[in-house]
Amino acid sequence: MLNRENKIELNDAGATSAADMIKEILDNFHITQVDFAERIGISQKHLSKVLNHKAFISTRVAKSIELVTGTPAKLLLRLDTNYRLMNTTEPSKNEKPAQPNYLKRYDWVTIHSESKANN
């Protein structure tokens, strides 16, 4: 996140999303949601959804944010990807019991995993 010298520091990358970084930028530079949404080409309603973790930014929006704030699009998208992975439950075979091959590993995956464990 941004510190007092406006340098980006990640304390816990998985718990931080692009929304958290955007909130800090808006707060730090006293930018309104309406102004920011206009500058990056989305509605204030959509920005609000992003800031409240009800939606995620697209690659186009990430590029727009990079252009108006200098915050790298790759960083924003990486933050969102890590956040989503940490906050998604593992799939369960019970979800699709009628499909016997659902979540069944390929033989080469099992063999590869076993050979790593033996080394």
Protein backbone atom coordinates (compact mmCIF):
# COMPACT_ATOMS: atom_id res chain seq x y z
CA MET A 1 0.00 0.00 0.00
CA LEU A 2 1.08 3.64 -0.18
CA ASN A 3 3.19 4.89 2.69
CA ARG A 4 3.94 8.49 3.67
CA GLU A 5 6.53 8.85 0.90
CA ASN A 6 3.99 7.60 -1.69
CA LYS A 7 5.96 4.38 -2.16
CA ILE A 8 4.08 1.15 -2.65
CA GLU A 9 4.60 -1.46 0.05
CA LEU A 10 2.78 -4.77 0.16
CA ASN A 11 2.30 -6.08 3.68
CA ASP A 12 0.14 -9.10 2.88
CA ALA A 13 -0.27 -9.39 -0.87
CA GLY A 14 -3.05 -11.98 -0.74
CA ALA A 15 -5.23 -9.92 1.58
CA THR A 16 -4.89 -6.80 -0.55
CA SER A 17 -6.88 -6.20 -3.71
CA ALA A 18 -6.81 -3.56 -6.40
CA ALA A 19 -9.82 -2.03 -4.64
CA ASP A 20 -7.78 -1.51 -1.48
CA MET A 21 -5.01 0.22 -3.43
CA ILE A 22 -7.50 2.40 -5.32
CA LYS A 23 -9.15 3.40 -2.01
CA GLU A 24 -5.78 4.47 -0.63
CA ILE A 25 -5.02 6.51 -3.74
CA LEU A 26 -8.42 8.23 -3.58
CA ASP A 27 -8.04 8.96 0.14
CA ASN A 28 -4.40 10.04 -0.07
CA PHE A 29 -4.95 12.47 -2.92
CA HIS A 30 -8.51 13.56 -1.91
CA ILE A 31 -10.06 12.30 -5.15
CA THR A 32 -13.80 11.76 -5.30
CA GLN A 33 -15.29 8.58 -6.70
CA VAL A 34 -17.20 10.62 -9.29
CA ASP A 35 -14.04 12.34 -10.58
CA PHE A 36 -12.02 9.12 -10.62
CA ALA A 37 -14.77 7.14 -12.36
CA GLU A 38 -15.04 9.82 -15.07
CA ARG A 39 -11.27 9.80 -15.62
CA ILE A 40 -11.05 6.01 -16.01
CA GLY A 41 -14.22 5.71 -18.10
CA ILE A 42 -16.57 3.78 -15.82
CA SER A 43 -19.71 4.71 -13.91
CA GLN A 44 -19.49 5.78 -10.28
CA LYS A 45 -21.83 2.88 -9.50
CA HIS A 46 -19.38 0.37 -10.99
CA LEU A 47 -16.45 1.98 -9.17
CA SER A 48 -18.40 1.67 -5.93
CA LYS A 49 -18.93 -2.04 -6.61
CA VAL A 50 -15.19 -2.45 -7.18
CA LEU A 51 -14.30 -0.55 -4.01
CA ASN A 52 -16.71 -2.74 -2.02
CA HIS A 53 -15.31 -6.00 -3.46
CA LYS A 54 -18.53 -6.76 -5.35
CA ALA A 55 -16.79 -6.51 -8.73
CA PHE A 56 -13.24 -6.62 -10.03
CA ILE A 57 -11.47 -4.38 -12.50
CA SER A 58 -11.01 -5.44 -16.11
CA THR A 59 -7.73 -5.21 -17.99
CA ARG A 60 -9.04 -2.12 -19.81
CA VAL A 61 -9.92 -0.40 -16.55
CA ALA A 62 -6.53 -1.38 -15.08
CA LYS A 63 -4.82 0.27 -18.08
CA SER A 64 -6.97 3.38 -17.62
CA ILE A 65 -6.02 3.54 -13.93
CA GLU A 66 -2.36 3.21 -14.91
CA LEU A 67 -2.70 6.15 -17.31
CA VAL A 68 -4.35 8.47 -14.78
CA THR A 69 -2.46 7.48 -11.60
CA GLY A 70 0.80 5.88 -12.72
CA THR A 71 -0.07 2.72 -10.76
CA PRO A 72 1.00 -0.24 -12.92
CA ALA A 73 -1.91 -2.18 -14.45
CA LYS A 74 0.00 -5.44 -13.90
CA LEU A 75 0.22 -4.70 -10.16
CA LEU A 76 -3.52 -4.01 -9.90
CA LEU A 77 -4.44 -7.16 -11.82
CA ARG A 78 -1.97 -9.27 -9.83
CA LEU A 79 -3.45 -7.97 -6.57
CA ASP A 80 -6.96 -8.86 -7.72
CA THR A 81 -5.91 -12.32 -8.91
CA ASN A 82 -4.18 -13.10 -5.59
CA TYR A 83 -7.14 -11.72 -3.64
CA ARG A 84 -9.61 -13.82 -5.62
CA LEU A 85 -7.53 -16.99 -5.22
CA MET A 86 -7.25 -16.50 -1.47
CA ASN A 87 -10.97 -15.86 -1.12
CA THR A 88 -12.25 -18.70 -3.31
CA THR A 89 -13.17 -22.04 -1.80
CA GLU A 90 -11.63 -25.20 -3.19
CA PRO A 91 -13.89 -27.10 -5.57
CA SER A 92 -15.40 -30.25 -4.09
CA LYS A 93 -16.30 -33.53 -5.79
CA ASN A 94 -19.66 -33.26 -4.00
CA GLU A 95 -20.56 -30.30 -6.23
CA LYS A 96 -21.08 -32.55 -9.27
CA PRO A 97 -21.68 -36.10 -8.06
CA ALA A 98 -23.26 -37.17 -11.36
CA GLN A 99 -19.98 -36.50 -13.19
CA PRO A 100 -17.49 -39.21 -12.14
CA ASN A 101 -14.56 -37.50 -13.89
CA TYR A 102 -15.14 -34.14 -12.20
CA LEU A 103 -11.85 -33.16 -10.48
CA LYS A 104 -10.24 -36.50 -11.36
CA ARG A 105 -6.54 -35.91 -11.93
CA TYR A 106 -4.87 -37.04 -15.11
CA ASP A 107 -2.38 -39.88 -14.64
CA TRP A 108 0.53 -37.68 -15.60
CA VAL A 109 -0.35 -35.22 -12.82
CA THR A 110 -0.35 -37.99 -10.20
CA ILE A 111 2.93 -39.41 -11.52
CA HIS A 112 4.53 -35.96 -11.61
CA SER A 113 3.39 -35.20 -8.05
CA GLU A 114 4.66 -38.57 -6.76
CA SER A 115 8.08 -38.17 -8.40
CA LYS A 116 8.51 -34.77 -6.75
CA ALA A 117 7.59 -36.24 -3.37
CA ASN A 118 10.17 -39.02 -3.79
CA ASN A 119 13.04 -36.58 -4.55
